[in-house]
């Protein structure tokens, strides 16, 4: 990493204290960039449907200039699932919560507090995450974009109030 940024390992250790602290800082930066994206999307697509917002989000995700950030994000996400005590502790959960909250902003207010709306957001997030993993592994924008479009065409299920006792 030091070579990639034109520095030395000793300088990075001096600046960050340890490898774990450097990883924490990188993940915090990736999450900060992700939150900026999510907030910008929310602002620029105000009043848009969940489908339109998701299409615009996918357009951002497939842009080649975001691949490095997305690979770092995905690595942090995966490592967070494996090592709950390392520098990535809680990263996966935080990012899921961030994305689900954003997606809820594009659902009609009365609908967003239903089990069906929560399932719809979860489905979209799972499709985006799965297609993103595929995209990062293969670079196949056409196939993954077609899969996202197909998922967005699925008919929503009937609304029911969310059971607040569940976690």
N, C-alpha and C. Protein backbone atom coordinates (compact mmCIF):
# COMPACT_ATOMS: atom_id res chain seq x y z
N UNK A 1 0.82 -1.18 0.00
CA UNK A 1 0.00 0.00 0.00
C UNK A 1 0.87 1.25 0.00
N UNK A 2 1.94 1.19 0.75
CA UNK A 2 2.83 2.35 0.81
C UNK A 2 3.33 2.72 -0.58
N UNK A 3 3.73 1.74 -1.36
CA UNK A 3 4.22 2.00 -2.71
C UNK A 3 3.11 2.61 -3.58
N UNK A 4 1.90 2.13 -3.41
CA UNK A 4 0.78 2.62 -4.22
C UNK A 4 0.49 4.09 -3.97
N UNK A 5 0.76 4.57 -2.75
CA UNK A 5 0.50 5.98 -2.43
C UNK A 5 1.78 6.82 -2.44
N UNK A 6 2.91 6.20 -2.87
CA UNK A 6 4.17 6.94 -2.96
C UNK A 6 4.78 7.26 -1.61
N UNK A 7 4.68 6.33 -0.68
CA UNK A 7 5.21 6.54 0.66
C UNK A 7 6.02 5.33 1.07
N UNK A 8 6.30 5.25 2.36
CA UNK A 8 7.00 4.07 2.88
C UNK A 8 6.16 3.46 4.00
N UNK A 9 6.37 2.17 4.27
CA UNK A 9 5.63 1.52 5.35
C UNK A 9 5.83 2.22 6.70
N UNK A 10 7.03 2.72 6.94
CA UNK A 10 7.31 3.40 8.22
C UNK A 10 6.48 4.68 8.36
N UNK A 11 6.34 5.42 7.27
CA UNK A 11 5.54 6.65 7.33
C UNK A 11 4.08 6.30 7.63
N UNK A 12 3.57 5.27 6.97
CA UNK A 12 2.18 4.86 7.22
C UNK A 12 2.00 4.42 8.67
N UNK A 13 2.97 3.67 9.19
CA UNK A 13 2.88 3.26 10.60
C UNK A 13 2.95 4.47 11.53
N UNK A 14 3.78 5.43 11.19
CA UNK A 14 3.87 6.65 12.00
C UNK A 14 2.53 7.39 11.98
N UNK A 15 1.94 7.52 10.80
CA UNK A 15 0.69 8.27 10.67
C UNK A 15 -0.51 7.57 11.29
N UNK A 16 -0.53 6.23 11.19
CA UNK A 16 -1.73 5.51 11.63
C UNK A 16 -1.51 4.66 12.88
N UNK A 17 -0.29 4.45 13.29
CA UNK A 17 -0.02 3.72 14.53
C UNK A 17 0.12 2.23 14.35
N UNK A 18 -0.74 1.62 13.56
CA UNK A 18 -0.68 0.18 13.33
C UNK A 18 -1.41 -0.15 12.04
N UNK A 19 -1.22 -1.37 11.57
CA UNK A 19 -1.91 -1.82 10.37
C UNK A 19 -3.43 -1.81 10.60
N UNK A 20 -3.87 -2.27 11.77
CA UNK A 20 -5.31 -2.27 12.08
C UNK A 20 -5.88 -0.85 12.06
N UNK A 21 -5.13 0.11 12.60
CA UNK A 21 -5.61 1.50 12.59
C UNK A 21 -5.67 2.06 11.17
N UNK A 22 -4.73 1.66 10.33
CA UNK A 22 -4.76 2.07 8.93
C UNK A 22 -5.99 1.48 8.23
N UNK A 23 -6.26 0.21 8.47
CA UNK A 23 -7.44 -0.44 7.87
C UNK A 23 -8.71 0.25 8.37
N UNK A 24 -8.77 0.55 9.68
CA UNK A 24 -9.94 1.27 10.22
C UNK A 24 -10.14 2.61 9.51
N UNK A 25 -9.05 3.33 9.30
CA UNK A 25 -9.13 4.63 8.64
C UNK A 25 -9.60 4.47 7.19
N UNK A 26 -9.10 3.46 6.51
CA UNK A 26 -9.53 3.22 5.12
C UNK A 26 -11.01 2.86 5.06
N UNK A 27 -11.45 2.01 5.98
CA UNK A 27 -12.87 1.63 6.00
C UNK A 27 -13.75 2.81 6.38
N UNK A 28 -13.28 3.62 7.31
CA UNK A 28 -14.06 4.82 7.68
C UNK A 28 -14.17 5.75 6.48
N UNK A 29 -13.10 5.87 5.71
CA UNK A 29 -13.14 6.72 4.51
C UNK A 29 -14.08 6.13 3.46
N UNK A 30 -14.01 4.81 3.27
CA UNK A 30 -14.91 4.16 2.31
C UNK A 30 -16.36 4.35 2.73
N UNK A 31 -16.63 4.21 4.03
CA UNK A 31 -17.99 4.40 4.52
C UNK A 31 -18.41 5.86 4.36
N UNK A 32 -17.50 6.78 4.61
CA UNK A 32 -17.81 8.21 4.44
C UNK A 32 -18.15 8.49 2.97
N UNK A 33 -17.38 7.94 2.05
CA UNK A 33 -17.66 8.11 0.62
C UNK A 33 -19.01 7.49 0.26
N UNK A 34 -19.29 6.33 0.85
CA UNK A 34 -20.57 5.66 0.62
C UNK A 34 -21.72 6.53 1.11
N UNK A 35 -21.59 7.10 2.31
CA UNK A 35 -22.65 7.94 2.86
C UNK A 35 -22.86 9.20 2.03
N UNK A 36 -21.76 9.77 1.49
CA UNK A 36 -21.89 10.93 0.61
C UNK A 36 -22.69 10.53 -0.63
N UNK A 37 -22.35 9.38 -1.21
CA UNK A 37 -23.10 8.88 -2.36
C UNK A 37 -24.57 8.73 -2.03
N UNK A 38 -24.86 8.08 -0.92
CA UNK A 38 -26.25 7.82 -0.54
C UNK A 38 -27.00 9.12 -0.31
N UNK A 39 -26.37 10.06 0.37
CA UNK A 39 -27.03 11.35 0.62
C UNK A 39 -27.22 12.14 -0.66
N UNK A 40 -26.21 12.12 -1.55
CA UNK A 40 -26.35 12.80 -2.83
C UNK A 40 -27.46 12.18 -3.66
N UNK A 41 -27.52 10.87 -3.66
CA UNK A 41 -28.58 10.18 -4.40
C UNK A 41 -29.94 10.58 -3.84
N UNK A 42 -30.05 10.62 -2.54
CA UNK A 42 -31.31 10.98 -1.90
C UNK A 42 -31.72 12.40 -2.27
N UNK A 43 -30.75 13.31 -2.34
CA UNK A 43 -31.03 14.71 -2.66
C UNK A 43 -31.37 14.89 -4.14
N UNK A 44 -30.59 14.27 -5.02
CA UNK A 44 -30.77 14.48 -6.46
C UNK A 44 -31.97 13.74 -7.02
N UNK A 45 -32.46 12.73 -6.30
CA UNK A 45 -33.59 11.96 -6.81
C UNK A 45 -34.83 12.16 -5.93
N UNK A 46 -34.87 13.24 -5.20
CA UNK A 46 -36.00 13.51 -4.31
C UNK A 46 -37.31 13.36 -5.09
N UNK A 47 -38.23 12.60 -4.53
CA UNK A 47 -39.52 12.37 -5.18
C UNK A 47 -39.49 11.20 -6.15
N UNK A 48 -38.32 10.62 -6.39
CA UNK A 48 -38.23 9.49 -7.32
C UNK A 48 -38.78 8.22 -6.68
N UNK A 49 -39.17 7.29 -7.50
CA UNK A 49 -39.62 6.00 -7.00
C UNK A 49 -38.41 5.18 -6.58
N UNK A 50 -38.66 4.12 -5.84
CA UNK A 50 -37.59 3.22 -5.42
C UNK A 50 -36.89 2.63 -6.65
N UNK A 51 -37.65 2.30 -7.66
CA UNK A 51 -37.06 1.73 -8.88
C UNK A 51 -36.10 2.74 -9.54
N UNK A 52 -36.53 3.97 -9.71
CA UNK A 52 -35.69 4.99 -10.35
C UNK A 52 -34.43 5.23 -9.52
N UNK A 53 -34.58 5.34 -8.21
CA UNK A 53 -33.43 5.56 -7.34
C UNK A 53 -32.46 4.39 -7.42
N UNK A 54 -32.98 3.17 -7.47
CA UNK A 54 -32.13 1.99 -7.55
C UNK A 54 -31.40 1.94 -8.89
N UNK A 55 -32.09 2.28 -9.96
CA UNK A 55 -31.44 2.33 -11.28
C UNK A 55 -30.30 3.34 -11.28
N UNK A 56 -30.52 4.50 -10.68
CA UNK A 56 -29.46 5.52 -10.64
C UNK A 56 -28.31 5.06 -9.74
N UNK A 57 -28.63 4.40 -8.66
CA UNK A 57 -27.61 3.86 -7.78
C UNK A 57 -26.78 2.81 -8.52
N UNK A 58 -27.44 1.94 -9.25
CA UNK A 58 -26.71 0.91 -10.02
C UNK A 58 -25.82 1.57 -11.08
N UNK A 59 -26.32 2.62 -11.73
CA UNK A 59 -25.50 3.34 -12.71
C UNK A 59 -24.21 3.84 -12.06
N UNK A 60 -24.29 4.32 -10.83
CA UNK A 60 -23.11 4.78 -10.11
C UNK A 60 -22.20 3.60 -9.79
N UNK A 61 -22.79 2.49 -9.35
CA UNK A 61 -22.00 1.32 -8.97
C UNK A 61 -21.24 0.72 -10.15
N UNK A 62 -21.80 0.78 -11.36
CA UNK A 62 -21.12 0.15 -12.50
C UNK A 62 -20.08 1.06 -13.15
N UNK A 63 -20.01 2.31 -12.75
CA UNK A 63 -19.03 3.22 -13.34
C UNK A 63 -17.62 2.73 -13.03
N UNK A 64 -16.79 2.58 -14.06
CA UNK A 64 -15.43 2.03 -13.87
C UNK A 64 -14.60 2.79 -12.84
N UNK A 65 -14.79 4.10 -12.72
CA UNK A 65 -13.97 4.88 -11.79
C UNK A 65 -14.26 4.57 -10.32
N UNK A 66 -15.32 3.82 -10.04
CA UNK A 66 -15.65 3.49 -8.66
C UNK A 66 -15.19 2.09 -8.25
N UNK A 67 -14.58 1.35 -9.17
CA UNK A 67 -14.23 -0.05 -8.89
C UNK A 67 -13.28 -0.19 -7.70
N UNK A 68 -12.27 0.66 -7.59
CA UNK A 68 -11.31 0.53 -6.48
C UNK A 68 -12.00 0.72 -5.14
N UNK A 69 -12.82 1.75 -5.04
CA UNK A 69 -13.56 1.99 -3.80
C UNK A 69 -14.49 0.82 -3.50
N UNK A 70 -15.16 0.30 -4.53
CA UNK A 70 -16.10 -0.79 -4.31
C UNK A 70 -15.40 -2.09 -3.93
N UNK A 71 -14.20 -2.31 -4.47
CA UNK A 71 -13.44 -3.50 -4.05
C UNK A 71 -13.05 -3.39 -2.58
N UNK A 72 -12.61 -2.20 -2.17
CA UNK A 72 -12.28 -1.99 -0.76
C UNK A 72 -13.52 -2.17 0.11
N UNK A 73 -14.64 -1.60 -0.32
CA UNK A 73 -15.89 -1.75 0.42
C UNK A 73 -16.26 -3.22 0.56
N UNK A 74 -16.16 -3.96 -0.55
CA UNK A 74 -16.56 -5.36 -0.53
C UNK A 74 -15.63 -6.18 0.36
N UNK A 75 -14.34 -5.88 0.31
CA UNK A 75 -13.39 -6.60 1.16
C UNK A 75 -13.69 -6.32 2.63
N UNK A 76 -13.94 -5.07 2.96
CA UNK A 76 -14.29 -4.73 4.34
C UNK A 76 -15.57 -5.41 4.78
N UNK A 77 -16.54 -5.45 3.89
CA UNK A 77 -17.82 -6.11 4.18
C UNK A 77 -17.60 -7.59 4.48
N UNK A 78 -16.86 -8.27 3.59
CA UNK A 78 -16.61 -9.70 3.76
C UNK A 78 -15.80 -9.98 5.02
N UNK A 79 -14.77 -9.20 5.26
CA UNK A 79 -13.94 -9.42 6.45
C UNK A 79 -14.73 -9.16 7.73
N UNK A 80 -15.64 -8.21 7.66
CA UNK A 80 -16.47 -7.92 8.83
C UNK A 80 -17.33 -9.13 9.21
N UNK A 81 -17.72 -9.90 8.20
CA UNK A 81 -18.52 -11.10 8.47
C UNK A 81 -17.69 -12.20 9.11
N UNK A 82 -16.39 -12.21 8.82
CA UNK A 82 -15.50 -13.27 9.31
C UNK A 82 -14.84 -12.90 10.63
N UNK A 83 -14.45 -11.65 10.78
CA UNK A 83 -13.71 -11.20 11.95
C UNK A 83 -14.45 -10.05 12.61
N UNK A 84 -15.30 -10.38 13.57
CA UNK A 84 -16.09 -9.36 14.26
C UNK A 84 -15.31 -8.53 15.25
N UNK A 85 -14.03 -8.84 15.45
CA UNK A 85 -13.25 -8.10 16.43
C UNK A 85 -12.15 -7.28 15.80
N UNK A 86 -11.88 -7.47 14.53
CA UNK A 86 -10.78 -6.76 13.86
C UNK A 86 -11.16 -5.33 13.53
N UNK A 87 -10.34 -4.70 12.71
CA UNK A 87 -10.60 -3.30 12.36
C UNK A 87 -11.89 -3.12 11.58
N UNK A 88 -12.42 -4.20 11.02
CA UNK A 88 -13.66 -4.11 10.25
C UNK A 88 -14.88 -4.47 11.07
N UNK A 89 -14.72 -4.65 12.36
CA UNK A 89 -15.85 -5.02 13.23
C UNK A 89 -17.03 -4.07 13.03
N UNK A 90 -18.18 -4.65 12.74
CA UNK A 90 -19.41 -3.87 12.59
C UNK A 90 -19.59 -3.21 11.24
N UNK A 91 -18.58 -3.28 10.36
CA UNK A 91 -18.67 -2.59 9.07
C UNK A 91 -19.84 -3.11 8.24
N UNK A 92 -20.00 -4.43 8.15
CA UNK A 92 -21.07 -5.00 7.33
C UNK A 92 -22.44 -4.54 7.85
N UNK A 93 -22.64 -4.64 9.14
CA UNK A 93 -23.93 -4.25 9.71
C UNK A 93 -24.22 -2.76 9.47
N UNK A 94 -23.20 -1.92 9.67
CA UNK A 94 -23.39 -0.48 9.45
C UNK A 94 -23.78 -0.18 8.02
N UNK A 95 -23.12 -0.85 7.07
CA UNK A 95 -23.40 -0.56 5.68
C UNK A 95 -24.79 -1.07 5.29
N UNK A 96 -25.21 -2.21 5.81
CA UNK A 96 -26.57 -2.70 5.55
C UNK A 96 -27.58 -1.69 6.09
N UNK A 97 -27.39 -1.24 7.31
CA UNK A 97 -28.31 -0.26 7.90
C UNK A 97 -28.35 1.03 7.07
N UNK A 98 -27.17 1.50 6.63
CA UNK A 98 -27.10 2.73 5.82
C UNK A 98 -27.91 2.58 4.54
N UNK A 99 -27.71 1.47 3.83
CA UNK A 99 -28.37 1.28 2.54
C UNK A 99 -29.87 1.06 2.71
N UNK A 100 -30.27 0.30 3.72
CA UNK A 100 -31.70 0.08 3.94
C UNK A 100 -32.41 1.38 4.30
N UNK A 101 -31.74 2.23 5.07
CA UNK A 101 -32.33 3.52 5.43
C UNK A 101 -32.49 4.39 4.19
N UNK A 102 -31.47 4.41 3.35
CA UNK A 102 -31.57 5.18 2.11
C UNK A 102 -32.72 4.66 1.25
N UNK A 103 -32.78 3.37 1.03
CA UNK A 103 -33.83 2.81 0.18
C UNK A 103 -35.22 3.13 0.72
N UNK A 104 -35.35 3.18 2.05
CA UNK A 104 -36.67 3.49 2.63
C UNK A 104 -37.15 4.88 2.26
N UNK A 105 -36.21 5.80 2.00
CA UNK A 105 -36.58 7.18 1.64
C UNK A 105 -37.34 7.25 0.32
N UNK A 106 -37.24 6.20 -0.49
CA UNK A 106 -37.88 6.19 -1.80
C UNK A 106 -39.15 5.35 -1.82
N UNK A 107 -39.61 4.98 -0.65
CA UNK A 107 -40.88 4.26 -0.53
C UNK A 107 -41.92 5.23 0.04
N UNK A 108 -43.16 5.11 -0.41
CA UNK A 108 -44.20 6.00 0.14
C UNK A 108 -44.28 5.86 1.66
N UNK A 109 -44.47 6.99 2.34
CA UNK A 109 -44.45 7.01 3.80
C UNK A 109 -45.34 5.94 4.44
N UNK A 110 -46.60 5.80 4.07
CA UNK A 110 -47.41 4.79 4.76
C UNK A 110 -46.91 3.36 4.49
N UNK A 111 -46.31 3.14 3.35
CA UNK A 111 -45.84 1.81 2.95
C UNK A 111 -44.54 1.44 3.63
N UNK A 112 -43.66 2.40 3.89
CA UNK A 112 -42.31 2.09 4.34
C UNK A 112 -42.26 1.40 5.70
N UNK A 113 -43.31 1.50 6.51
CA UNK A 113 -43.32 0.86 7.82
C UNK A 113 -44.07 -0.47 7.82
N UNK A 114 -44.02 -1.17 6.70
CA UNK A 114 -44.67 -2.48 6.61
C UNK A 114 -43.62 -3.56 6.43
N UNK A 115 -44.00 -4.78 6.77
CA UNK A 115 -43.10 -5.93 6.53
C UNK A 115 -42.77 -6.03 5.04
N UNK A 116 -43.76 -5.78 4.20
CA UNK A 116 -43.55 -5.90 2.76
C UNK A 116 -42.55 -4.87 2.26
N UNK A 117 -42.62 -3.66 2.76
CA UNK A 117 -41.66 -2.63 2.35
C UNK A 117 -40.26 -2.99 2.83
N UNK A 118 -40.13 -3.50 4.05
CA UNK A 118 -38.83 -3.94 4.55
C UNK A 118 -38.28 -5.08 3.70
N UNK A 119 -39.16 -5.99 3.30
CA UNK A 119 -38.74 -7.10 2.44
C UNK A 119 -38.33 -6.58 1.06
N UNK A 120 -39.05 -5.59 0.54
CA UNK A 120 -38.71 -5.01 -0.75
C UNK A 120 -37.32 -4.37 -0.70
N UNK A 121 -37.05 -3.59 0.35
CA UNK A 121 -35.73 -2.96 0.50
C UNK A 121 -34.63 -4.02 0.62
N UNK A 122 -34.90 -5.04 1.41
CA UNK A 122 -33.92 -6.10 1.62
C UNK A 122 -33.65 -6.84 0.32
N UNK A 123 -34.70 -7.09 -0.44
CA UNK A 123 -34.55 -7.76 -1.74
C UNK A 123 -33.68 -6.91 -2.67
N UNK A 124 -33.98 -5.64 -2.76
CA UNK A 124 -33.20 -4.76 -3.64
C UNK A 124 -31.75 -4.70 -3.19
N UNK A 125 -31.53 -4.57 -1.90
CA UNK A 125 -30.16 -4.52 -1.39
C UNK A 125 -29.42 -5.83 -1.69
N UNK A 126 -30.09 -6.95 -1.52
CA UNK A 126 -29.46 -8.25 -1.81
C UNK A 126 -29.12 -8.37 -3.29
N UNK A 127 -30.01 -7.91 -4.16
CA UNK A 127 -29.75 -7.94 -5.60
C UNK A 127 -28.56 -7.04 -5.93
N UNK A 128 -28.55 -5.82 -5.40
CA UNK A 128 -27.44 -4.91 -5.67
C UNK A 128 -26.11 -5.49 -5.19
N UNK A 129 -26.12 -6.02 -3.96
CA UNK A 129 -24.88 -6.57 -3.39
C UNK A 129 -24.42 -7.78 -4.19
N UNK A 130 -25.34 -8.67 -4.55
CA UNK A 130 -24.98 -9.85 -5.33
C UNK A 130 -24.48 -9.49 -6.72
N UNK A 131 -25.18 -8.60 -7.38
CA UNK A 131 -24.75 -8.19 -8.73
C UNK A 131 -23.44 -7.41 -8.67
N UNK A 132 -23.25 -6.64 -7.61
CA UNK A 132 -21.98 -5.93 -7.45
C UNK A 132 -20.83 -6.93 -7.28
N UNK A 133 -21.04 -7.96 -6.47
CA UNK A 133 -20.00 -8.99 -6.30
C UNK A 133 -19.68 -9.64 -7.63
N UNK A 134 -20.70 -9.95 -8.40
CA UNK A 134 -20.52 -10.54 -9.72
C UNK A 134 -19.78 -9.59 -10.66
N UNK A 135 -20.17 -8.33 -10.65
CA UNK A 135 -19.54 -7.32 -11.48
C UNK A 135 -18.06 -7.20 -11.14
N UNK A 136 -17.74 -7.13 -9.86
CA UNK A 136 -16.34 -7.01 -9.44
C UNK A 136 -15.54 -8.24 -9.82
N UNK A 137 -16.18 -9.41 -9.81
CA UNK A 137 -15.47 -10.65 -10.15
C UNK A 137 -15.28 -10.82 -11.65
N UNK A 138 -16.26 -10.35 -12.45
CA UNK A 138 -16.23 -10.65 -13.88
C UNK A 138 -16.09 -9.43 -14.78
N UNK A 139 -16.48 -8.25 -14.29
CA UNK A 139 -16.48 -7.06 -15.12
C UNK A 139 -17.64 -7.03 -16.11
N UNK A 140 -18.58 -7.96 -16.01
CA UNK A 140 -19.68 -8.08 -16.97
C UNK A 140 -20.82 -7.12 -16.61
N UNK A 141 -20.72 -5.90 -17.13
CA UNK A 141 -21.71 -4.86 -16.85
C UNK A 141 -23.07 -5.21 -17.45
N UNK A 142 -23.09 -5.72 -18.68
CA UNK A 142 -24.35 -6.01 -19.36
C UNK A 142 -25.18 -7.04 -18.64
N UNK A 143 -24.58 -8.15 -18.28
CA UNK A 143 -25.31 -9.24 -17.62
C UNK A 143 -25.79 -8.81 -16.24
N UNK A 144 -24.92 -8.15 -15.47
CA UNK A 144 -25.33 -7.76 -14.12
C UNK A 144 -26.39 -6.66 -14.16
N UNK A 145 -26.30 -5.76 -15.12
CA UNK A 145 -27.31 -4.72 -15.26
C UNK A 145 -28.65 -5.34 -15.65
N UNK A 146 -28.63 -6.33 -16.53
CA UNK A 146 -29.87 -7.02 -16.90
C UNK A 146 -30.48 -7.71 -15.68
N UNK A 147 -29.65 -8.27 -14.82
CA UNK A 147 -30.16 -8.94 -13.62
C UNK A 147 -30.80 -7.93 -12.66
N UNK A 148 -30.18 -6.78 -12.50
CA UNK A 148 -30.76 -5.73 -11.65
C UNK A 148 -32.09 -5.29 -12.24
N UNK A 149 -32.15 -5.06 -13.53
CA UNK A 149 -33.40 -4.63 -14.18
C UNK A 149 -34.50 -5.66 -14.00
N UNK A 150 -34.14 -6.91 -14.14
CA UNK A 150 -35.14 -7.99 -13.97
C UNK A 150 -35.68 -8.00 -12.54
N UNK A 151 -34.81 -7.85 -11.57
CA UNK A 151 -35.25 -7.83 -10.17
C UNK A 151 -36.15 -6.63 -9.89
N UNK A 152 -35.86 -5.50 -10.51
CA UNK A 152 -36.67 -4.31 -10.30
C UNK A 152 -38.05 -4.43 -10.94
N UNK A 153 -38.18 -5.34 -11.89
CA UNK A 153 -39.46 -5.55 -12.55
C UNK A 153 -40.38 -6.48 -11.77
N UNK A 154 -39.85 -7.11 -10.72
CA UNK A 154 -40.66 -8.04 -9.92
C UNK A 154 -41.81 -7.30 -9.25
N UNK A 155 -42.94 -7.97 -9.16
CA UNK A 155 -44.14 -7.38 -8.55
C UNK A 155 -43.98 -7.35 -7.03
N UNK A 156 -44.27 -6.18 -6.38
CA UNK A 156 -44.19 -6.12 -4.92
C UNK A 156 -45.27 -6.98 -4.27
N UNK A 157 -45.00 -7.40 -3.06
CA UNK A 157 -45.97 -8.21 -2.32
C UNK A 157 -46.90 -7.32 -1.51
N UNK A 158 -47.98 -7.90 -1.00
CA UNK A 158 -48.99 -7.14 -0.26
C UNK A 158 -48.43 -6.58 1.04
N UNK A 159 -48.86 -5.36 1.40
CA UNK A 159 -48.36 -4.66 2.59
C UNK A 159 -49.01 -5.18 3.86
N UNK A 160 -48.21 -5.28 4.92
CA UNK A 160 -48.67 -5.56 6.29
C UNK A 160 -47.82 -4.72 7.23
N UNK A 161 -48.37 -4.30 8.37
CA UNK A 161 -47.56 -3.53 9.33
C UNK A 161 -46.38 -4.37 9.82
N UNK A 162 -45.28 -3.71 10.10
CA UNK A 162 -44.08 -4.39 10.62
C UNK A 162 -44.34 -4.83 12.04
N UNK A 163 -43.95 -6.08 12.34
CA UNK A 163 -44.03 -6.61 13.70
C UNK A 163 -42.82 -6.05 14.46
N UNK A 164 -43.04 -5.06 15.32
CA UNK A 164 -41.95 -4.38 16.01
C UNK A 164 -41.22 -5.28 17.00
N UNK A 165 -41.78 -6.42 17.36
CA UNK A 165 -41.13 -7.32 18.30
C UNK A 165 -40.02 -8.13 17.70
N UNK A 166 -39.93 -8.16 16.37
CA UNK A 166 -38.88 -8.92 15.71
C UNK A 166 -37.62 -8.09 15.57
N UNK A 167 -36.47 -8.77 15.49
CA UNK A 167 -35.20 -8.07 15.23
C UNK A 167 -34.52 -8.66 14.05
